[in-house]
Amino acid sequence: MIASDLALQSGAQSENAEHFLLYCSIYQKHRDDMIYQLQQVCMTKYNKSIPISYRLLLSPHEDLLSKNQNATIKDILFQFLSNCKRAL
């Protein structure tokens, strides 16, 4: 099945990276796991939560996050992609 077919199955008009990462209902379970892990990582040194966003997933260079947190965000994203088991 190709990406656009999957998007139509989930009720979307078309699929793009943001839809796949944050909204596609087909991958909700994997996304819930990813979001939970990200919420644990995305706490600043001031004990504030950084919002989970498309930008954060693709370019995690928030000034309030450490290099270790940025690397962990990338690892969590790659695990999500692996868990989805689909060709991109």
C-alpha atoms as a PDB file:
ATOM      1  CA  MET A   1       0.000   0.000   0.000  1.00  0.00           C
ATOM      2  CA  ILE A   2       1.354   3.436  -0.851  1.00  0.00           C
ATOM      3  CA  ALA A   3       1.343   6.463   1.432  1.00  0.00           C
ATOM      4  CA  SER A   4      -1.574   8.212  -0.270  1.00  0.00           C
ATOM      5  CA  ASP A   5      -3.706   5.049   0.089  1.00  0.00           C
ATOM      6  CA  LEU A   6      -2.927   4.970   3.810  1.00  0.00           C
ATOM      7  CA  ALA A   7      -3.876   8.618   4.170  1.00  0.00           C
ATOM      8  CA  LEU A   8      -7.213   8.019   2.495  1.00  0.00           C
ATOM      9  CA  GLN A   9      -7.866   5.037   4.786  1.00  0.00           C
ATOM     10  CA  SER A  10      -7.353   7.265   7.804  1.00  0.00           C
ATOM     11  CA  GLY A  11      -9.748   9.907   6.452  1.00  0.00           C
ATOM     12  CA  ALA A  12      -7.201  12.493   5.319  1.00  0.00           C
ATOM     13  CA  GLN A  13      -7.365  14.292   1.986  1.00  0.00           C
ATOM     14  CA  SER A  14      -3.710  13.505   1.322  1.00  0.00           C
ATOM     15  CA  GLU A  15      -0.671  12.527   3.292  1.00  0.00           C
ATOM     16  CA  ASN A  16       2.357  14.614   4.079  1.00  0.00           C
ATOM     17  CA  ALA A  17       5.063  14.205   6.712  1.00  0.00           C
ATOM     18  CA  GLU A  18       3.208  16.250   9.323  1.00  0.00           C
ATOM     19  CA  HIS A  19       0.042  14.178   8.869  1.00  0.00           C
ATOM     20  CA  PHE A  20       1.986  10.918   9.140  1.00  0.00           C
ATOM     21  CA  LEU A  21       3.946  11.976  12.233  1.00  0.00           C
ATOM     22  CA  LEU A  22       1.209  13.722  14.208  1.00  0.00           C
ATOM     23  CA  TYR A  23      -2.260  12.869  12.953  1.00  0.00           C
ATOM     24  CA  CYS A  24      -2.626   9.656  10.923  1.00  0.00           C
ATOM     25  CA  SER A  25      -5.040   7.424  12.832  1.00  0.00           C
ATOM     26  CA  ILE A  26      -3.462   4.261  11.414  1.00  0.00           C
ATOM     27  CA  TYR A  27      -0.365   4.870  13.559  1.00  0.00           C
ATOM     28  CA  GLN A  28      -2.114   6.171  16.681  1.00  0.00           C
ATOM     29  CA  LYS A  29      -0.793   3.478  19.043  1.00  0.00           C
ATOM     30  CA  HIS A  30       2.814   4.031  17.927  1.00  0.00           C
ATOM     31  CA  ARG A  31       2.302   7.799  18.118  1.00  0.00           C
ATOM     32  CA  ASP A  32       0.889   7.569  21.638  1.00  0.00           C
ATOM     33  CA  ASP A  33       4.025   5.679  22.689  1.00  0.00           C
ATOM     34  CA  MET A  34       6.234   8.272  20.978  1.00  0.00           C
ATOM     35  CA  ILE A  35       4.390  11.221  22.553  1.00  0.00           C
ATOM     36  CA  TYR A  36       4.599   9.662  26.014  1.00  0.00           C
ATOM     37  CA  GLN A  37       8.371   9.219  25.650  1.00  0.00           C
ATOM     38  CA  LEU A  38       8.783  12.734  24.252  1.00  0.00           C
ATOM     39  CA  GLN A  39       6.862  14.230  27.157  1.00  0.00           C
ATOM     40  CA  GLN A  40       9.348  12.609  29.550  1.00  0.00           C
ATOM     41  CA  VAL A  41      12.290  14.115  27.636  1.00  0.00           C
ATOM     42  CA  CYS A  42      10.911  17.560  26.805  1.00  0.00           C
ATOM     43  CA  MET A  43      11.120  19.107  30.238  1.00  0.00           C
ATOM     44  CA  THR A  44      13.361  22.152  30.504  1.00  0.00           C
ATOM     45  CA  LYS A  45      15.761  22.854  33.323  1.00  0.00           C
ATOM     46  CA  TYR A  46      13.065  25.240  34.575  1.00  0.00           C
ATOM     47  CA  ASN A  47      10.609  22.312  34.821  1.00  0.00           C
ATOM     48  CA  LYS A  48       8.519  23.553  31.894  1.00  0.00           C
ATOM     49  CA  SER A  49       7.306  21.272  29.136  1.00  0.00           C
ATOM     50  CA  ILE A  50       8.266  21.980  25.519  1.00  0.00           C
ATOM     51  CA  PRO A  51       5.225  21.437  23.241  1.00  0.00           C
ATOM     52  CA  ILE A  52       5.462  18.420  20.962  1.00  0.00           C
ATOM     53  CA  SER A  53       5.345  19.728  17.402  1.00  0.00           C
ATOM     54  CA  TYR A  54       6.275  18.840  13.854  1.00  0.00           C
ATOM     55  CA  ARG A  55       9.198  21.273  14.072  1.00  0.00           C
ATOM     56  CA  LEU A  56      10.457  19.692  17.293  1.00  0.00           C
ATOM     57  CA  LEU A  57      10.424  16.218  15.716  1.00  0.00           C
ATOM     58  CA  LEU A  58      12.271  17.198  12.552  1.00  0.00           C
ATOM     59  CA  SER A  59      14.667  19.742  13.995  1.00  0.00           C
ATOM     60  CA  PRO A  60      14.968  19.413  17.768  1.00  0.00           C
ATOM     61  CA  HIS A  61      17.212  22.380  18.459  1.00  0.00           C
ATOM     62  CA  GLU A  62      15.217  24.137  21.158  1.00  0.00           C
ATOM     63  CA  ASP A  63      17.454  26.466  23.144  1.00  0.00           C
ATOM     64  CA  LEU A  64      15.878  25.190  26.342  1.00  0.00           C
ATOM     65  CA  LEU A  65      16.855  21.567  25.688  1.00  0.00           C
ATOM     66  CA  SER A  66      20.270  20.011  26.160  1.00  0.00           C
ATOM     67  CA  LYS A  67      22.233  18.258  23.407  1.00  0.00           C
ATOM     68  CA  ASN A  68      21.407  14.980  25.117  1.00  0.00           C
ATOM     69  CA  GLN A  69      17.676  15.778  25.047  1.00  0.00           C
ATOM     70  CA  ASN A  70      17.910  16.740  21.356  1.00  0.00           C
ATOM     71  CA  ALA A  71      19.634  13.438  20.544  1.00  0.00           C
ATOM     72  CA  THR A  72      17.044  11.504  22.553  1.00  0.00           C
ATOM     73  CA  ILE A  73      14.209  13.196  20.644  1.00  0.00           C
ATOM     74  CA  LYS A  74      15.768  12.036  17.379  1.00  0.00           C
ATOM     75  CA  ASP A  75      16.124   8.494  18.755  1.00  0.00           C
ATOM     76  CA  ILE A  76      12.462   8.459  19.797  1.00  0.00           C
ATOM     77  CA  LEU A  77      11.408   9.666  16.335  1.00  0.00           C
ATOM     78  CA  PHE A  78      13.493   6.962  14.628  1.00  0.00           C
ATOM     79  CA  GLN A  79      11.941   4.329  16.900  1.00  0.00           C
ATOM     80  CA  PHE A  80       8.470   5.552  15.893  1.00  0.00           C
ATOM     81  CA  LEU A  81       9.404   5.295  12.218  1.00  0.00           C
ATOM     82  CA  SER A  82      10.757   1.786  12.760  1.00  0.00           C
ATOM     83  CA  ASN A  83       7.659   0.705  14.699  1.00  0.00           C
ATOM     84  CA  CYS A  84       5.368   1.870  11.893  1.00  0.00           C
ATOM     85  CA  LYS A  85       7.046  -0.618   9.527  1.00  0.00           C
ATOM     86  CA  ARG A  86       6.310   1.226   6.351  1.00  0.00           C
ATOM     87  CA  ALA A  87       8.329   2.468   3.454  1.00  0.00           C
ATOM     88  CA  LEU A  88       8.726   6.221   3.341  1.00  0.00           C
END
